[in-house]
Amino acid sequence: MPMAHVRPFLKQILTDKTFRDKLISTSNAADRAEVLAKYGYEFSDTEFEEGYNATLVGLQFEDDANRLKEFKLMWDMLRRL
């Protein structure tokens, strides 16, 4: 089921500023996992990459793809913390 969490997560992260701000404000992986769990999300880095790629391919509009790519850059930086 974790892979099924990625698409709803991506949709929510792009539309819910409160959720996005909470996630961005985390300082380590444990804090991020806690925020994700609070919102009902659980997935591995591999599952995230697969879900991200599948979502990106399915987008119809360039603006949506660009927003998703911008989030991906931020997410990659967060994962390094």
PDB file of N, CA and C in Angstrom:
ATOM      1  N   MET A   1       0.797  -1.217   0.000  1.00  0.00           N
ATOM      2  CA  MET A   1       0.000   0.000   0.000  1.00  0.00           C
ATOM      3  C   MET A   1       0.839   1.280   0.000  1.00  0.00           C
ATOM      4  N   PRO A   2       2.067   1.272   0.512  1.00  0.00           N
ATOM      5  CA  PRO A   2       2.824   2.530   0.547  1.00  0.00           C
ATOM      6  C   PRO A   2       2.945   3.226  -0.807  1.00  0.00           C
ATOM      7  N   MET A   3       3.136   2.471  -1.897  1.00  0.00           N
ATOM      8  CA  MET A   3       3.249   3.098  -3.216  1.00  0.00           C
ATOM      9  C   MET A   3       1.976   3.876  -3.546  1.00  0.00           C
ATOM     10  N   ALA A   4       0.846   3.375  -3.097  1.00  0.00           N
ATOM     11  CA  ALA A   4      -0.426   4.058  -3.346  1.00  0.00           C
ATOM     12  C   ALA A   4      -0.520   5.376  -2.590  1.00  0.00           C
ATOM     13  N   HIS A   5       0.350   5.588  -1.606  1.00  0.00           N
ATOM     14  CA  HIS A   5       0.345   6.833  -0.837  1.00  0.00           C
ATOM     15  C   HIS A   5       1.037   7.976  -1.574  1.00  0.00           C
ATOM     16  N   VAL A   6       1.873   7.665  -2.543  1.00  0.00           N
ATOM     17  CA  VAL A   6       2.692   8.705  -3.174  1.00  0.00           C
ATOM     18  C   VAL A   6       1.850   9.686  -3.982  1.00  0.00           C
ATOM     19  N   ARG A   7       0.974   9.210  -4.819  1.00  0.00           N
ATOM     20  CA  ARG A   7       0.175  10.138  -5.644  1.00  0.00           C
ATOM     21  C   ARG A   7      -0.698  11.072  -4.807  1.00  0.00           C
ATOM     22  N   PRO A   8      -1.442  10.548  -3.824  1.00  0.00           N
ATOM     23  CA  PRO A   8      -2.212  11.471  -2.974  1.00  0.00           C
ATOM     24  C   PRO A   8      -1.306  12.439  -2.209  1.00  0.00           C
ATOM     25  N   PHE A   9      -0.140  11.962  -1.776  1.00  0.00           N
ATOM     26  CA  PHE A   9       0.820  12.826  -1.097  1.00  0.00           C
ATOM     27  C   PHE A   9       1.243  13.969  -2.010  1.00  0.00           C
ATOM     28  N   LEU A  10       1.593  13.661  -3.250  1.00  0.00           N
ATOM     29  CA  LEU A  10       2.027  14.700  -4.186  1.00  0.00           C
ATOM     30  C   LEU A  10       0.909  15.701  -4.450  1.00  0.00           C
ATOM     31  N   LYS A  11      -0.304  15.211  -4.588  1.00  0.00           N
ATOM     32  CA  LYS A  11      -1.433  16.117  -4.804  1.00  0.00           C
ATOM     33  C   LYS A  11      -1.614  17.039  -3.601  1.00  0.00           C
ATOM     34  N   GLN A  12      -1.560  16.462  -2.398  1.00  0.00           N
ATOM     35  CA  GLN A  12      -1.765  17.276  -1.201  1.00  0.00           C
ATOM     36  C   GLN A  12      -0.618  18.260  -0.987  1.00  0.00           C
ATOM     37  N   ILE A  13       0.602  17.831  -1.229  1.00  0.00           N
ATOM     38  CA  ILE A  13       1.749  18.704  -0.975  1.00  0.00           C
ATOM     39  C   ILE A  13       1.720  19.918  -1.904  1.00  0.00           C
ATOM     40  N   LEU A  14       1.146  19.765  -3.083  1.00  0.00           N
ATOM     41  CA  LEU A  14       1.079  20.881  -4.030  1.00  0.00           C
ATOM     42  C   LEU A  14      -0.109  21.802  -3.776  1.00  0.00           C
ATOM     43  N   THR A  15      -1.093  21.332  -3.004  1.00  0.00           N
ATOM     44  CA  THR A  15      -2.302  22.137  -2.805  1.00  0.00           C
ATOM     45  C   THR A  15      -2.535  22.582  -1.365  1.00  0.00           C
ATOM     46  N   ASP A  16      -1.848  21.971  -0.417  1.00  0.00           N
ATOM     47  CA  ASP A  16      -2.084  22.245   1.004  1.00  0.00           C
ATOM     48  C   ASP A  16      -0.860  22.932   1.614  1.00  0.00           C
ATOM     49  N   LYS A  17      -0.918  24.253   1.723  1.00  0.00           N
ATOM     50  CA  LYS A  17       0.226  25.028   2.211  1.00  0.00           C
ATOM     51  C   LYS A  17       0.587  24.667   3.648  1.00  0.00           C
ATOM     52  N   THR A  18      -0.384  24.426   4.493  1.00  0.00           N
ATOM     53  CA  THR A  18      -0.112  24.069   5.888  1.00  0.00           C
ATOM     54  C   THR A  18       0.700  22.781   5.965  1.00  0.00           C
ATOM     55  N   PHE A  19       0.271  21.787   5.220  1.00  0.00           N
ATOM     56  CA  PHE A  19       0.988  20.509   5.177  1.00  0.00           C
ATOM     57  C   PHE A  19       2.401  20.711   4.645  1.00  0.00           C
ATOM     58  N   ARG A  20       2.510  21.430   3.549  1.00  0.00           N
ATOM     59  CA  ARG A  20       3.816  21.682   2.929  1.00  0.00           C
ATOM     60  C   ARG A  20       4.751  22.403   3.903  1.00  0.00           C
ATOM     61  N   ASP A  21       4.234  23.416   4.590  1.00  0.00           N
ATOM     62  CA  ASP A  21       5.051  24.170   5.547  1.00  0.00           C
ATOM     63  C   ASP A  21       5.519  23.289   6.704  1.00  0.00           C
ATOM     64  N   LYS A  22       4.642  22.422   7.197  1.00  0.00           N
ATOM     65  CA  LYS A  22       5.032  21.512   8.280  1.00  0.00           C
ATOM     66  C   LYS A  22       6.152  20.584   7.824  1.00  0.00           C
ATOM     67  N   LEU A  23       6.026  20.081   6.618  1.00  0.00           N
ATOM     68  CA  LEU A  23       7.028  19.156   6.104  1.00  0.00           C
ATOM     69  C   LEU A  23       8.359  19.866   5.865  1.00  0.00           C
ATOM     70  N   ILE A  24       8.311  21.050   5.310  1.00  0.00           N
ATOM     71  CA  ILE A  24       9.528  21.808   5.022  1.00  0.00           C
ATOM     72  C   ILE A  24      10.248  22.203   6.309  1.00  0.00           C
ATOM     73  N   SER A  25       9.505  22.426   7.366  1.00  0.00           N
ATOM     74  CA  SER A  25      10.111  22.883   8.616  1.00  0.00           C
ATOM     75  C   SER A  25      10.798  21.765   9.399  1.00  0.00           C
ATOM     76  N   THR A  26      10.687  20.523   8.951  1.00  0.00           N
ATOM     77  CA  THR A  26      11.343  19.426   9.660  1.00  0.00           C
ATOM     78  C   THR A  26      12.852  19.511   9.478  1.00  0.00           C
ATOM     79  N   SER A  27      13.577  19.008  10.482  1.00  0.00           N
ATOM     80  CA  SER A  27      15.038  19.116  10.431  1.00  0.00           C
ATOM     81  C   SER A  27      15.740  17.776  10.265  1.00  0.00           C
ATOM     82  N   ASN A  28      14.967  16.688  10.250  1.00  0.00           N
ATOM     83  CA  ASN A  28      15.594  15.378  10.063  1.00  0.00           C
ATOM     84  C   ASN A  28      14.562  14.364   9.566  1.00  0.00           C
ATOM     85  N   ALA A  29      15.054  13.188   9.200  1.00  0.00           N
ATOM     86  CA  ALA A  29      14.196  12.156   8.615  1.00  0.00           C
ATOM     87  C   ALA A  29      13.122  11.676   9.592  1.00  0.00           C
ATOM     88  N   ALA A  30      13.465  11.583  10.869  1.00  0.00           N
ATOM     89  CA  ALA A  30      12.486  11.116  11.858  1.00  0.00           C
ATOM     90  C   ALA A  30      11.320  12.095  11.980  1.00  0.00           C
ATOM     91  N   ASP A  31      11.622  13.387  11.977  1.00  0.00           N
ATOM     92  CA  ASP A  31      10.563  14.399  12.042  1.00  0.00           C
ATOM     93  C   ASP A  31       9.687  14.355  10.792  1.00  0.00           C
ATOM     94  N   ARG A  32      10.317  14.176   9.628  1.00  0.00           N
ATOM     95  CA  ARG A  32       9.558  14.081   8.374  1.00  0.00           C
ATOM     96  C   ARG A  32       8.633  12.871   8.409  1.00  0.00           C
ATOM     97  N   ALA A  33       9.154  11.730   8.863  1.00  0.00           N
ATOM     98  CA  ALA A  33       8.341  10.513   8.942  1.00  0.00           C
ATOM     99  C   ALA A  33       7.159  10.716   9.884  1.00  0.00           C
ATOM    100  N   GLU A  34       7.378  11.456  10.959  1.00  0.00           N
ATOM    101  CA  GLU A  34       6.299  11.732  11.914  1.00  0.00           C
ATOM    102  C   GLU A  34       5.199  12.582  11.277  1.00  0.00           C
ATOM    103  N   VAL A  35       5.593  13.619  10.542  1.00  0.00           N
ATOM    104  CA  VAL A  35       4.609  14.467   9.855  1.00  0.00           C
ATOM    105  C   VAL A  35       3.860  13.648   8.807  1.00  0.00           C
ATOM    106  N   LEU A  36       4.596  12.869   8.024  1.00  0.00           N
ATOM    107  CA  LEU A  36       3.956  12.044   7.000  1.00  0.00           C
ATOM    108  C   LEU A  36       2.965  11.069   7.632  1.00  0.00           C
ATOM    109  N   ALA A  37       3.366  10.428   8.718  1.00  0.00           N
ATOM    110  CA  ALA A  37       2.483   9.466   9.391  1.00  0.00           C
ATOM    111  C   ALA A  37       1.236  10.153   9.940  1.00  0.00           C
ATOM    112  N   LYS A  38       1.406  11.357  10.457  1.00  0.00           N
ATOM    113  CA  LYS A  38       0.263  12.106  10.992  1.00  0.00           C
ATOM    114  C   LYS A  38      -0.790  12.339   9.908  1.00  0.00           C
ATOM    115  N   TYR A  39      -0.328  12.524   8.675  1.00  0.00           N
ATOM    116  CA  TYR A  39      -1.240  12.743   7.552  1.00  0.00           C
ATOM    117  C   TYR A  39      -1.607  11.437   6.834  1.00  0.00           C
ATOM    118  N   GLY A  40      -1.112  10.308   7.338  1.00  0.00           N
ATOM    119  CA  GLY A  40      -1.490   9.011   6.780  1.00  0.00           C
ATOM    120  C   GLY A  40      -0.634   8.527   5.628  1.00  0.00           C
ATOM    121  N   TYR A  41       0.565   9.062   5.490  1.00  0.00           N
ATOM    122  CA  TYR A  41       1.442   8.672   4.386  1.00  0.00           C
ATOM    123  C   TYR A  41       2.626   7.863   4.893  1.00  0.00           C
ATOM    124  N   GLU A  42       2.972   6.845   4.122  1.00  0.00           N
ATOM    125  CA  GLU A  42       4.147   6.034   4.409  1.00  0.00           C
ATOM    126  C   GLU A  42       4.651   5.469   3.090  1.00  0.00           C
ATOM    127  N   PHE A  43       5.903   5.756   2.764  1.00  0.00           N
ATOM    128  CA  PHE A  43       6.504   5.222   1.550  1.00  0.00           C
ATOM    129  C   PHE A  43       8.015   5.345   1.652  1.00  0.00           C
ATOM    130  N   SER A  44       8.703   4.485   0.919  1.00  0.00           N
ATOM    131  CA  SER A  44      10.164   4.508   0.891  1.00  0.00           C
ATOM    132  C   SER A  44      10.632   5.514  -0.160  1.00  0.00           C
ATOM    133  N   ASP A  45      11.926   5.782  -0.174  1.00  0.00           N
ATOM    134  CA  ASP A  45      12.482   6.667  -1.198  1.00  0.00           C
ATOM    135  C   ASP A  45      12.261   6.091  -2.596  1.00  0.00           C
ATOM    136  N   THR A  46      12.413   4.784  -2.721  1.00  0.00           N
ATOM    137  CA  THR A  46      12.201   4.131  -4.020  1.00  0.00           C
ATOM    138  C   THR A  46      10.747   4.264  -4.460  1.00  0.00           C
ATOM    139  N   GLU A  47       9.834   4.043  -3.540  1.00  0.00           N
ATOM    140  CA  GLU A  47       8.408   4.183  -3.863  1.00  0.00           C
ATOM    141  C   GLU A  47       8.081   5.625  -4.226  1.00  0.00           C
ATOM    142  N   PHE A  48       8.702   6.575  -3.528  1.00  0.00           N
ATOM    143  CA  PHE A  48       8.484   7.979  -3.872  1.00  0.00           C
ATOM    144  C   PHE A  48       8.934   8.244  -5.303  1.00  0.00           C
ATOM    145  N   GLU A  49      10.128   7.790  -5.660  1.00  0.00           N
ATOM    146  CA  GLU A  49      10.658   8.026  -7.011  1.00  0.00           C
ATOM    147  C   GLU A  49       9.743   7.423  -8.070  1.00  0.00           C
ATOM    148  N   GLU A  50       9.278   6.203  -7.836  1.00  0.00           N
ATOM    149  CA  GLU A  50       8.382   5.554  -8.795  1.00  0.00           C
ATOM    150  C   GLU A  50       7.067   6.316  -8.919  1.00  0.00           C
ATOM    151  N   GLY A  51       6.504   6.716  -7.795  1.00  0.00           N
ATOM    152  CA  GLY A  51       5.250   7.471  -7.811  1.00  0.00           C
ATOM    153  C   GLY A  51       5.412   8.837  -8.440  1.00  0.00           C
ATOM    154  N   TYR A  52       6.529   9.496  -8.139  1.00  0.00           N
ATOM    155  CA  TYR A  52       6.819  10.807  -8.729  1.00  0.00           C
ATOM    156  C   TYR A  52       6.901  10.687 -10.246  1.00  0.00           C
ATOM    157  N   ASN A  53       7.678   9.721 -10.731  1.00  0.00           N
ATOM    158  CA  ASN A  53       7.841   9.557 -12.179  1.00  0.00           C
ATOM    159  C   ASN A  53       6.520   9.225 -12.858  1.00  0.00           C
ATOM    160  N   ALA A  54       5.727   8.351 -12.251  1.00  0.00           N
ATOM    161  CA  ALA A  54       4.426   7.993 -12.830  1.00  0.00           C
ATOM    162  C   ALA A  54       3.497   9.199 -12.857  1.00  0.00           C
ATOM    163  N   THR A  55       3.529   9.998 -11.807  1.00  0.00           N
ATOM    164  CA  THR A  55       2.685  11.191 -11.744  1.00  0.00           C
ATOM    165  C   THR A  55       3.128  12.218 -12.770  1.00  0.00           C
ATOM    166  N   LEU A  56       4.421  12.434 -12.863  1.00  0.00           N
ATOM    167  CA  LEU A  56       4.961  13.423 -13.800  1.00  0.00           C
ATOM    168  C   LEU A  56       4.588  13.078 -15.239  1.00  0.00           C
ATOM    169  N   VAL A  57       4.712  11.824 -15.595  1.00  0.00           N
ATOM    170  CA  VAL A  57       4.380  11.381 -16.958  1.00  0.00           C
ATOM    171  C   VAL A  57       2.903  11.597 -17.261  1.00  0.00           C
ATOM    172  N   GLY A  58       2.051  11.481 -16.249  1.00  0.00           N
ATOM    173  CA  GLY A  58       0.612  11.592 -16.453  1.00  0.00           C
ATOM    174  C   GLY A  58       0.058  13.007 -16.464  1.00  0.00           C
ATOM    175  N   LEU A  59       0.888  13.995 -16.164  1.00  0.00           N
ATOM    176  CA  LEU A  59       0.390  15.374 -16.126  1.00  0.00           C
ATOM    177  C   LEU A  59       0.173  15.915 -17.534  1.00  0.00           C
ATOM    178  N   GLN A  60      -0.902  16.669 -17.700  1.00  0.00           N
ATOM    179  CA  GLN A  60      -1.251  17.187 -19.019  1.00  0.00           C
ATOM    180  C   GLN A  60      -0.716  18.584 -19.275  1.00  0.00           C
ATOM    181  N   PHE A  61      -0.457  19.329 -18.208  1.00  0.00           N
ATOM    182  CA  PHE A  61      -0.091  20.726 -18.376  1.00  0.00           C
ATOM    183  C   PHE A  61       1.328  20.989 -17.893  1.00  0.00           C
ATOM    184  N   GLU A  62       2.045  21.794 -18.649  1.00  0.00           N
ATOM    185  CA  GLU A  62       3.434  22.102 -18.337  1.00  0.00           C
ATOM    186  C   GLU A  62       3.571  22.786 -16.976  1.00  0.00           C
ATOM    187  N   ASP A  63       2.644  23.674 -16.636  1.00  0.00           N
ATOM    188  CA  ASP A  63       2.709  24.360 -15.341  1.00  0.00           C
ATOM    189  C   ASP A  63       2.628  23.367 -14.184  1.00  0.00           C
ATOM    190  N   ASP A  64       1.763  22.369 -14.311  1.00  0.00           N
ATOM    191  CA  ASP A  64       1.656  21.348 -13.269  1.00  0.00           C
ATOM    192  C   ASP A  64       2.957  20.557 -13.155  1.00  0.00           C
ATOM    193  N   ALA A  65       3.534  20.218 -14.290  1.00  0.00           N
ATOM    194  CA  ALA A  65       4.802  19.483 -14.289  1.00  0.00           C
ATOM    195  C   ALA A  65       5.909  20.315 -13.660  1.00  0.00           C
ATOM    196  N   ASN A  66       5.945  21.599 -13.964  1.00  0.00           N
ATOM    197  CA  ASN A  66       6.976  22.470 -13.388  1.00  0.00           C
ATOM    198  C   ASN A  66       6.828  22.590 -11.877  1.00  0.00           C
ATOM    199  N   ARG A  67       5.603  22.712 -11.389  1.00  0.00           N
ATOM    200  CA  ARG A  67       5.378  22.776  -9.931  1.00  0.00           C
ATOM    201  C   ARG A  67       5.826  21.486  -9.256  1.00  0.00           C
ATOM    202  N   LEU A  68       5.531  20.362  -9.892  1.00  0.00           N
ATOM    203  CA  LEU A  68       5.936  19.078  -9.335  1.00  0.00           C
ATOM    204  C   LEU A  68       7.460  18.945  -9.335  1.00  0.00           C
ATOM    205  N   LYS A  69       8.104  19.385 -10.392  1.00  0.00           N
ATOM    206  CA  LYS A  69       9.570  19.334 -10.457  1.00  0.00           C
ATOM    207  C   LYS A  69      10.199  20.231  -9.394  1.00  0.00           C
ATOM    208  N   GLU A  70       9.617  21.397  -9.165  1.00  0.00           N
ATOM    209  CA  GLU A  70      10.124  22.292  -8.117  1.00  0.00           C
ATOM    210  C   GLU A  70      10.013  21.631  -6.749  1.00  0.00           C
ATOM    211  N   PHE A  71       8.878  20.992  -6.496  1.00  0.00           N
ATOM    212  CA  PHE A  71       8.732  20.295  -5.224  1.00  0.00           C
ATOM    213  C   PHE A  71       9.763  19.181  -5.106  1.00  0.00           C
ATOM    214  N   LYS A  72      10.002  18.462  -6.190  1.00  0.00           N
ATOM    215  CA  LYS A  72      10.969  17.348  -6.167  1.00  0.00           C
ATOM    216  C   LYS A  72      12.350  17.842  -5.772  1.00  0.00           C
ATOM    217  N   LEU A  73      12.758  18.995  -6.270  1.00  0.00           N
ATOM    218  CA  LEU A  73      14.056  19.561  -5.879  1.00  0.00           C
ATOM    219  C   LEU A  73      14.099  19.815  -4.379  1.00  0.00           C
ATOM    220  N   MET A  74      13.034  20.401  -3.847  1.00  0.00           N
ATOM    221  CA  MET A  74      12.954  20.669  -2.417  1.00  0.00           C
ATOM    222  C   MET A  74      12.958  19.361  -1.633  1.00  0.00           C
ATOM    223  N   TRP A  75      12.213  18.381  -2.083  1.00  0.00           N
ATOM    224  CA  TRP A  75      12.137  17.089  -1.408  1.00  0.00           C
ATOM    225  C   TRP A  75      13.513  16.416  -1.372  1.00  0.00           C
ATOM    226  N   ASP A  76      14.235  16.481  -2.479  1.00  0.00           N
ATOM    227  CA  ASP A  76      15.575  15.891  -2.514  1.00  0.00           C
ATOM    228  C   ASP A  76      16.501  16.568  -1.509  1.00  0.00           C
ATOM    229  N   MET A  77      16.387  17.881  -1.366  1.00  0.00           N
ATOM    230  CA  MET A  77      17.200  18.594  -0.373  1.00  0.00           C
ATOM    231  C   MET A  77      16.803  18.175   1.043  1.00  0.00           C
ATOM    232  N   LEU A  78      15.512  18.047   1.303  1.00  0.00           N
ATOM    233  CA  LEU A  78      15.053  17.622   2.632  1.00  0.00           C
ATOM    234  C   LEU A  78      15.563  16.227   2.984  1.00  0.00           C
ATOM    235  N   ARG A  79      15.573  15.346   2.014  1.00  0.00           N
ATOM    236  CA  ARG A  79      16.010  13.970   2.277  1.00  0.00           C
ATOM    237  C   ARG A  79      17.487  13.910   2.643  1.00  0.00           C
ATOM    238  N   ARG A  80      18.247  14.908   2.284  1.00  0.00           N
ATOM    239  CA  ARG A  80      19.677  14.925   2.614  1.00  0.00           C
ATOM    240  C   ARG A  80      19.934  15.358   4.050  1.00  0.00           C
ATOM    241  N   LEU A  81      18.928  15.917   4.710  1.00  0.00           N
ATOM    242  CA  LEU A  81      19.103  16.373   6.101  1.00  0.00           C
ATOM    243  C   LEU A  81      19.126  15.202   7.062  1.00  0.00           C
TER     244      LEU A  81
END
